[in-house]
Amino acid sequence: MTGDNLVSAYVSDAERDAEASVRPRRLEEFIAQHRVRDQLDLLLQGAMRRGSPPDHILLSGPPGLGKTTLANIVAAELGSGIRVTSGPAIERSGDLAAILTSLAEGDVLFIDEIHRIAKPAEELLYSAMEDFRVDVVVGKGPGATAIPLDVEPFTLVGATTRSGLLTGPMRDRFGFVAHLDFYSPADLEALLHRSARILGVPITADGAAEIAGRSRGTPRIANRLLRRVRDFAEVRAEGVVNLETARAALTVYDVDALGLDRLDRAVLTALVDSFRGGPVGLSTLAVAVGEQPDTVEEVCEPFLVRAGLLARTPRGRVATAAAWHHLGRTPPNGTFGADAAPVPDLFSAQADQP
């Protein structure tokens, strides 16, 4: 696995089994997201006391923060079954109708990337969410007939990384909406200690802190880095993940102290060295680093902008003074952000408190 994949918040098919091994099973095991966890606990406890399914739940936020994990926890807390699908997989309303009519009473239906669901299927989902009924159209033209089918009461858990793409009618039908924030370093350290216990990896406090600091505030990345550092520790060290082992391992995998990988640094280096900090257009920047514009825009830029290393302006992309300093360069006069205060700790500022 390359450094580019190590710090990607998206999960690969080959990684799903490894990720599932350290995934929390109950709400009390879920680390961080304290407000969301408490609110969700109230929702589930109230529903169980009434003996009815809870309101439909919408989870939004960047990838890798635990939306799928929370969906599985909801089913586990309710003692119900769960059906898992994704928005892109539901291309026709008939596909969704087949899933809905197969649900048992109280089941949880989890739709990942729900903002990408096809429009006909989305309209079918409206009546299922509100009235627990779907109308299946049979035939075409004047002879078409709508057959009403009852659906057992269920709970829909939708997950989205781009909540702004959800239509108003869809968003309004969720009774509980939660946004997941990036984890603080302290929460990531607690998560790494838990994962290390499950994986049987000896880890020290400074080793966990080093990995947490390079994990971009994302638990999926933290667990992925832990597995790679474990490999390094077992092969080239004494099997213990400490500060020295973590630093050496992450250097091998091209993950620097801020969590930047090869491609991130290539983008910043191209901006600074080839274009004197910018501004430069996205397509030109992508050609300079040998990647597709979509890859630069969707994979690299979100974190670089969040970290205060890159700015998007009407004229193009600009490297900030912090980017110049991170690369060991002296920013010229007039560099974007040169007069700004130092960038605060990204993730600890966003961490919610219990």
Protein backbone atom coordinates (compact mmCIF):
# COMPACT_ATOMS: atom_id res chain seq x y z
CA MET A 1 0.00 0.00 0.00
CA THR A 2 1.41 3.39 -0.97
CA GLY A 3 1.40 6.52 1.12
CA ASP A 4 -1.31 7.93 -1.15
CA ASN A 5 -3.70 5.17 -0.05
CA LEU A 6 -2.59 5.24 3.57
CA VAL A 7 -3.97 8.71 4.17
CA SER A 8 -7.08 8.31 2.04
CA ALA A 9 -10.23 8.44 4.14
CA TYR A 10 -12.01 6.11 1.70
CA VAL A 11 -12.04 2.39 2.41
CA SER A 12 -10.99 -0.16 -0.19
CA ASP A 13 -12.74 -3.51 -0.66
CA ALA A 14 -9.64 -5.36 0.53
CA GLU A 15 -9.60 -3.32 3.75
CA ARG A 16 -13.19 -3.88 4.85
CA ASP A 17 -12.47 -7.08 6.79
CA ALA A 18 -9.51 -5.52 8.60
CA GLU A 19 -11.57 -2.45 9.46
CA ALA A 20 -14.46 -4.56 10.74
CA SER A 21 -12.18 -6.30 13.26
CA VAL A 22 -11.67 -3.08 15.27
CA ARG A 23 -15.10 -1.56 14.70
CA PRO A 24 -17.10 -0.81 17.89
CA ARG A 25 -20.15 -2.99 18.34
CA ARG A 26 -22.06 -0.96 20.94
CA LEU A 27 -22.69 2.74 21.49
CA GLU A 28 -20.71 2.77 24.76
CA GLU A 29 -17.63 1.56 22.85
CA PHE A 30 -17.82 4.38 20.29
CA ILE A 31 -15.05 6.91 20.93
CA ALA A 32 -15.56 10.68 20.46
CA GLN A 33 -18.57 12.32 18.74
CA HIS A 34 -19.93 12.83 22.25
CA ARG A 35 -22.91 14.99 21.33
CA VAL A 36 -24.00 12.68 18.53
CA ARG A 37 -23.55 9.64 20.73
CA ASP A 38 -25.63 11.10 23.58
CA GLN A 39 -28.38 12.29 21.24
CA LEU A 40 -28.48 8.93 19.50
CA ASP A 41 -28.65 7.11 22.83
CA LEU A 42 -31.71 9.16 23.84
CA LEU A 43 -33.37 8.45 20.49
CA LEU A 44 -32.82 4.69 20.73
CA GLN A 45 -33.72 4.38 24.41
CA GLY A 46 -36.96 6.30 23.88
CA ALA A 47 -37.93 4.15 20.90
CA MET A 48 -37.25 0.91 22.76
CA ARG A 49 -39.36 2.02 25.73
CA ARG A 50 -42.24 2.82 23.38
CA GLY A 51 -41.78 -0.46 21.54
CA SER A 52 -41.64 1.23 18.14
CA PRO A 53 -38.89 1.82 15.58
CA PRO A 54 -36.96 5.09 16.08
CA ASP A 55 -37.17 7.97 13.64
CA HIS A 56 -35.15 7.75 10.45
CA ILE A 57 -31.53 8.83 10.94
CA LEU A 58 -29.27 10.86 8.64
CA LEU A 59 -25.52 10.84 9.32
CA SER A 60 -23.36 13.33 7.44
CA GLY A 61 -19.67 14.16 7.47
CA PRO A 62 -16.38 13.40 5.74
CA PRO A 63 -15.48 9.76 4.98
CA GLY A 64 -13.80 7.61 7.59
CA LEU A 65 -15.41 9.11 10.70
CA GLY A 66 -17.76 6.26 11.63
CA LYS A 67 -21.07 6.64 9.78
CA THR A 68 -21.20 2.96 8.78
CA THR A 69 -20.11 1.96 12.28
CA LEU A 70 -22.94 3.97 13.83
CA ALA A 71 -25.47 2.37 11.48
CA ASN A 72 -24.40 -1.08 12.64
CA ILE A 73 -24.48 0.08 16.25
CA VAL A 74 -28.07 1.32 15.82
CA ALA A 75 -29.12 -2.15 14.66
CA ALA A 76 -27.19 -3.81 17.49
CA GLU A 77 -28.69 -1.56 20.16
CA LEU A 78 -32.20 -2.23 18.83
CA GLY A 79 -31.54 -5.95 18.50
CA SER A 80 -32.68 -5.77 14.88
CA GLY A 81 -31.39 -6.99 11.56
CA ILE A 82 -29.67 -4.63 9.14
CA ARG A 83 -29.69 -4.46 5.35
CA VAL A 84 -26.80 -2.57 3.79
CA THR A 85 -26.77 -0.98 0.34
CA SER A 86 -25.55 2.21 -1.30
CA GLY A 87 -27.08 5.01 -3.32
CA PRO A 88 -25.23 4.24 -6.58
CA ALA A 89 -26.35 0.59 -6.39
CA ILE A 90 -30.04 1.58 -6.46
CA GLU A 91 -30.55 2.51 -10.11
CA ARG A 92 -34.28 1.72 -10.44
CA SER A 93 -37.27 2.09 -8.16
CA GLY A 94 -37.92 -1.64 -8.50
CA ASP A 95 -34.55 -2.40 -6.92
CA LEU A 96 -35.48 -0.35 -3.88
CA ALA A 97 -38.99 -1.82 -3.71
CA ALA A 98 -37.51 -5.34 -3.57
CA ILE A 99 -35.29 -4.35 -0.66
CA LEU A 100 -38.06 -2.57 1.25
CA THR A 101 -40.60 -5.38 0.94
CA SER A 102 -38.04 -7.92 2.22
CA LEU A 103 -37.48 -6.05 5.50
CA ALA A 104 -38.83 -7.53 8.72
CA GLU A 105 -40.54 -5.40 11.34
CA GLY A 106 -38.06 -3.18 13.15
CA ASP A 107 -35.19 -3.82 10.72
CA VAL A 108 -32.61 -1.15 9.91
CA LEU A 109 -31.97 -0.21 6.28
CA PHE A 110 -28.59 1.47 5.80
CA ILE A 111 -28.05 3.40 2.56
CA ASP A 112 -24.52 4.71 2.18
CA GLU A 113 -23.93 7.76 -0.05
CA ILE A 114 -27.68 8.31 -0.07
CA HIS A 115 -27.31 11.58 -1.99
CA ARG A 116 -26.42 9.51 -5.08
CA ILE A 117 -29.66 7.51 -5.14
CA ALA A 118 -31.56 7.63 -8.45
CA LYS A 119 -34.45 10.09 -8.61
CA PRO A 120 -37.23 7.49 -9.23
CA ALA A 121 -35.99 5.43 -6.28
CA GLU A 122 -35.80 8.53 -4.09
CA GLU A 123 -39.45 9.38 -4.81
CA LEU A 124 -40.45 5.79 -3.97
CA LEU A 125 -38.55 6.10 -0.71
CA TYR A 126 -40.66 9.09 0.38
CA SER A 127 -43.85 7.07 0.84
CA ALA A 128 -41.93 4.19 2.42
CA MET A 129 -40.39 6.49 5.04
CA GLU A 130 -43.64 8.27 5.88
CA ASP A 131 -46.43 5.73 5.34
CA PHE A 132 -44.55 2.41 5.18
CA ARG A 133 -46.06 1.78 1.79
CA VAL A 134 -44.71 1.66 -1.75
CA ASP A 135 -46.53 1.83 -5.07
CA VAL A 136 -45.04 -0.45 -7.70
CA VAL A 137 -46.00 0.47 -11.26
CA VAL A 138 -46.65 -2.52 -13.52
CA GLY A 139 -46.84 -2.04 -17.28
CA LYS A 140 -46.35 1.03 -19.46
CA GLY A 141 -48.49 3.67 -21.06
CA PRO A 142 -52.27 3.79 -20.61
CA GLY A 143 -52.32 0.22 -19.29
CA ALA A 144 -49.91 0.89 -16.44
CA THR A 145 -51.19 -0.03 -13.00
CA ALA A 146 -49.88 1.01 -9.58
CA ILE A 147 -49.92 -1.82 -7.08
CA PRO A 148 -49.69 -0.68 -3.44
CA LEU A 149 -47.48 -2.83 -1.22
CA ASP A 150 -47.22 -2.52 2.53
CA VAL A 151 -43.79 -2.27 4.12
CA GLU A 152 -43.03 -3.39 7.65
CA PRO A 153 -42.12 -0.50 9.98
CA PHE A 154 -38.39 0.04 9.66
CA THR A 155 -35.68 2.60 10.41
CA LEU A 156 -33.71 4.12 7.56
CA VAL A 157 -30.15 5.17 8.34
CA GLY A 158 -28.74 7.29 5.55
CA ALA A 159 -25.09 8.33 5.30
CA THR A 160 -23.70 11.07 3.11
CA THR A 161 -20.39 12.83 2.65
CA ARG A 162 -22.10 15.68 0.78
CA SER A 163 -25.26 16.66 2.61
CA GLY A 164 -25.67 19.72 0.39
CA LEU A 165 -26.57 17.43 -2.52
CA LEU A 166 -29.57 15.98 -0.68
CA THR A 167 -32.90 17.30 -1.87
CA GLY A 168 -35.06 19.23 0.58
CA PRO A 169 -37.89 16.64 0.62
CA MET A 170 -35.42 13.87 1.39
CA ARG A 171 -33.68 15.75 4.19
CA ASP A 172 -36.99 16.76 5.78
CA ARG A 173 -38.09 13.14 6.16
CA PHE A 174 -35.31 12.31 8.59
CA GLY A 175 -36.32 12.74 12.21
CA PHE A 176 -32.72 12.83 13.46
CA VAL A 177 -29.85 14.50 11.61
CA ALA A 178 -26.29 14.35 12.91
CA HIS A 179 -23.00 15.67 11.59
CA LEU A 180 -19.77 13.89 12.49
CA ASP A 181 -16.69 16.07 13.12
CA PHE A 182 -13.02 15.22 12.85
CA TYR A 183 -11.49 13.56 15.91
CA SER A 184 -9.17 15.37 18.31
CA PRO A 185 -5.65 13.93 18.83
CA ALA A 186 -6.65 12.78 22.33
CA ASP A 187 -9.65 10.86 20.98
CA LEU A 188 -7.50 9.29 18.27
CA GLU A 189 -4.96 8.20 20.88
CA ALA A 190 -7.72 6.50 22.89
CA LEU A 191 -8.97 4.84 19.71
CA LEU A 192 -5.46 3.62 18.83
CA HIS A 193 -4.97 2.08 22.27
CA ARG A 194 -8.29 0.25 21.89
CA SER A 195 -7.43 -0.98 18.39
CA ALA A 196 -3.96 -2.06 19.54
CA ARG A 197 -5.51 -4.18 22.32
CA ILE A 198 -7.83 -5.87 19.82
CA LEU A 199 -5.00 -6.50 17.33
CA GLY A 200 -2.60 -7.63 20.06
CA VAL A 201 -0.08 -4.88 19.31
CA PRO A 202 2.03 -3.49 22.19
CA ILE A 203 1.88 0.31 21.90
CA THR A 204 3.28 3.09 24.06
CA ALA A 205 1.67 6.44 24.78
CA ASP A 206 4.17 8.37 22.67
CA GLY A 207 3.78 5.88 19.81
CA ALA A 208 0.01 6.36 19.82
CA ALA A 209 0.45 10.15 19.96
CA GLU A 210 2.78 10.10 16.96
CA ILE A 211 0.36 8.08 14.84
CA ALA A 212 -2.62 10.18 15.98
CA GLY A 213 -0.83 13.38 14.94
CA ARG A 214 -0.45 12.11 11.39
CA SER A 215 -3.97 10.71 10.97
CA ARG A 216 -5.75 13.85 9.69
CA GLY A 217 -8.32 13.61 12.49
CA THR A 218 -9.77 10.46 10.87
CA PRO A 219 -10.09 7.15 12.76
CA ARG A 220 -9.99 5.06 9.58
CA ILE A 221 -6.59 6.55 8.70
CA ALA A 222 -5.38 6.08 12.30
CA ASN A 223 -6.25 2.37 12.26
CA ARG A 224 -4.66 1.95 8.84
CA LEU A 225 -1.43 3.62 9.95
CA LEU A 226 -1.41 1.46 13.09
CA ARG A 227 -1.51 -1.73 11.00
CA ARG A 228 1.36 -0.53 8.81
CA VAL A 229 3.45 0.55 11.82
CA ARG A 230 2.74 -2.86 13.36
CA ASP A 231 4.20 -4.53 10.25
CA PHE A 232 7.32 -2.38 10.51
CA ALA A 233 7.67 -3.06 14.23
CA GLU A 234 7.40 -6.83 13.75
CA VAL A 235 9.85 -6.97 10.84
CA ARG A 236 12.45 -4.30 11.63
CA ALA A 237 12.05 -3.61 15.33
CA GLU A 238 11.14 -5.52 18.48
CA GLY A 239 7.41 -5.63 17.86
CA VAL A 240 6.55 -2.65 20.10
CA VAL A 241 5.00 0.46 18.58
CA ASN A 242 6.83 3.32 20.26
CA LEU A 243 7.81 6.82 19.17
CA GLU A 244 10.96 5.81 17.28
CA THR A 245 9.26 2.87 15.54
CA ALA A 246 6.26 4.97 14.52
CA ARG A 247 8.43 7.72 13.08
CA ALA A 248 10.64 5.31 11.18
CA ALA A 249 7.68 3.36 9.80
CA LEU A 250 5.75 6.40 8.65
CA THR A 251 8.89 7.77 6.99
CA VAL A 252 9.07 4.54 4.98
CA TYR A 253 5.45 5.03 3.93
CA ASP A 254 5.98 8.70 2.99
CA VAL A 255 3.60 10.12 5.61
CA ASP A 256 5.10 13.26 7.11
CA ALA A 257 4.53 14.97 10.45
CA LEU A 258 1.34 16.74 9.27
CA GLY A 259 -0.07 13.61 7.66
CA LEU A 260 0.79 14.72 4.11
CA ASP A 261 1.62 11.98 1.60
CA ARG A 262 3.63 12.00 -1.60
CA LEU A 263 0.87 13.55 -3.70
CA ASP A 264 0.06 16.25 -1.16
CA ARG A 265 3.69 17.32 -1.04
CA ALA A 266 3.96 17.14 -4.84
CA VAL A 267 1.07 19.60 -5.17
CA LEU A 268 2.61 22.03 -2.69
CA THR A 269 6.09 21.67 -4.21
CA ALA A 270 4.75 22.34 -7.70
CA LEU A 271 2.94 25.44 -6.48
CA VAL A 272 5.98 26.80 -4.67
CA ASP A 273 8.82 25.80 -7.00
CA SER A 274 7.20 25.86 -10.43
CA PHE A 275 4.63 28.63 -10.00
CA ARG A 276 6.14 30.74 -7.19
CA GLY A 277 3.16 30.07 -4.96
CA GLY A 278 0.47 30.68 -7.56
CA PRO A 279 -2.21 31.45 -8.39
CA VAL A 280 -2.43 28.59 -10.88
CA GLY A 281 -5.39 26.80 -12.44
CA LEU A 282 -6.44 23.33 -11.35
CA SER A 283 -5.77 21.70 -14.73
CA THR A 284 -2.28 23.19 -14.96
CA LEU A 285 -1.50 22.09 -11.42
CA ALA A 286 -2.74 18.56 -12.15
CA VAL A 287 -0.51 18.30 -15.23
CA ALA A 288 2.45 19.49 -13.19
CA VAL A 289 2.06 16.62 -10.69
CA GLY A 290 1.01 14.01 -13.26
CA GLU A 291 -2.48 13.39 -11.87
CA GLN A 292 -6.05 13.89 -13.02
CA PRO A 293 -7.70 17.19 -12.02
CA ASP A 294 -10.45 15.28 -10.18
CA THR A 295 -7.85 13.49 -8.05
CA VAL A 296 -6.15 16.73 -7.05
CA GLU A 297 -9.45 18.47 -6.32
CA GLU A 298 -11.21 15.69 -4.42
CA VAL A 299 -8.35 13.80 -2.77
CA CYS A 300 -5.64 16.39 -2.01
CA GLU A 301 -7.23 19.80 -1.77
CA PRO A 302 -9.79 19.24 1.02
CA PHE A 303 -7.12 18.45 3.60
CA LEU A 304 -4.61 21.01 2.29
CA VAL A 305 -7.23 23.76 2.48
CA ARG A 306 -8.37 22.62 5.94
CA ALA A 307 -4.78 22.59 7.15
CA GLY A 308 -4.21 26.15 5.92
CA LEU A 309 -1.57 25.11 3.39
CA LEU A 310 -3.49 25.93 0.22
CA ALA A 311 -6.12 28.50 -0.70
CA ARG A 312 -8.67 28.50 -3.50
CA THR A 313 -9.06 31.95 -5.04
CA PRO A 314 -11.01 33.19 -8.09
CA ARG A 315 -7.72 33.28 -10.00
CA GLY A 316 -6.61 29.77 -9.03
CA ARG A 317 -4.82 27.79 -6.32
CA VAL A 318 -2.36 29.60 -4.04
CA ALA A 319 0.20 28.20 -1.61
CA THR A 320 -0.03 29.92 1.76
CA ALA A 321 2.90 31.04 3.88
CA ALA A 322 2.39 27.95 6.03
CA ALA A 323 2.98 25.77 2.95
CA TRP A 324 6.25 27.56 2.20
CA HIS A 325 7.42 27.03 5.78
CA HIS A 326 6.36 23.38 5.77
CA LEU A 327 8.53 22.78 2.71
CA GLY A 328 11.44 24.59 4.34
CA ARG A 329 11.23 27.63 2.06
CA THR A 330 11.09 31.32 2.92
CA PRO A 331 7.88 32.88 1.58
CA PRO A 332 8.33 36.04 -0.49
CA ASN A 333 6.68 39.29 0.52
CA GLY A 334 2.98 39.37 -0.20
CA THR A 335 2.51 35.61 0.15
CA PHE A 336 -1.08 34.61 0.90
CA GLY A 337 -1.56 34.29 4.66
CA ALA A 338 1.83 35.75 5.58
CA ASP A 339 0.21 38.19 8.04
CA ALA A 340 -2.25 35.70 9.48
CA ALA A 341 -1.97 34.24 12.94
CA PRO A 342 -0.49 30.74 13.21
CA VAL A 343 -2.88 28.00 12.15
CA PRO A 344 -4.47 26.49 15.29
CA ASP A 345 -4.71 22.78 15.95
CA LEU A 346 -7.22 21.73 13.34
CA PHE A 347 -8.88 18.87 15.02
CA SER A 348 -8.72 19.66 18.71
CA ALA A 349 -10.59 22.91 17.98
CA GLN A 350 -13.42 20.91 16.42
CA ALA A 351 -13.57 18.19 19.04
CA ASP A 352 -16.82 18.21 20.98
CA GLN A 353 -16.74 17.73 24.69
CA PRO A 354 -18.68 15.14 26.68
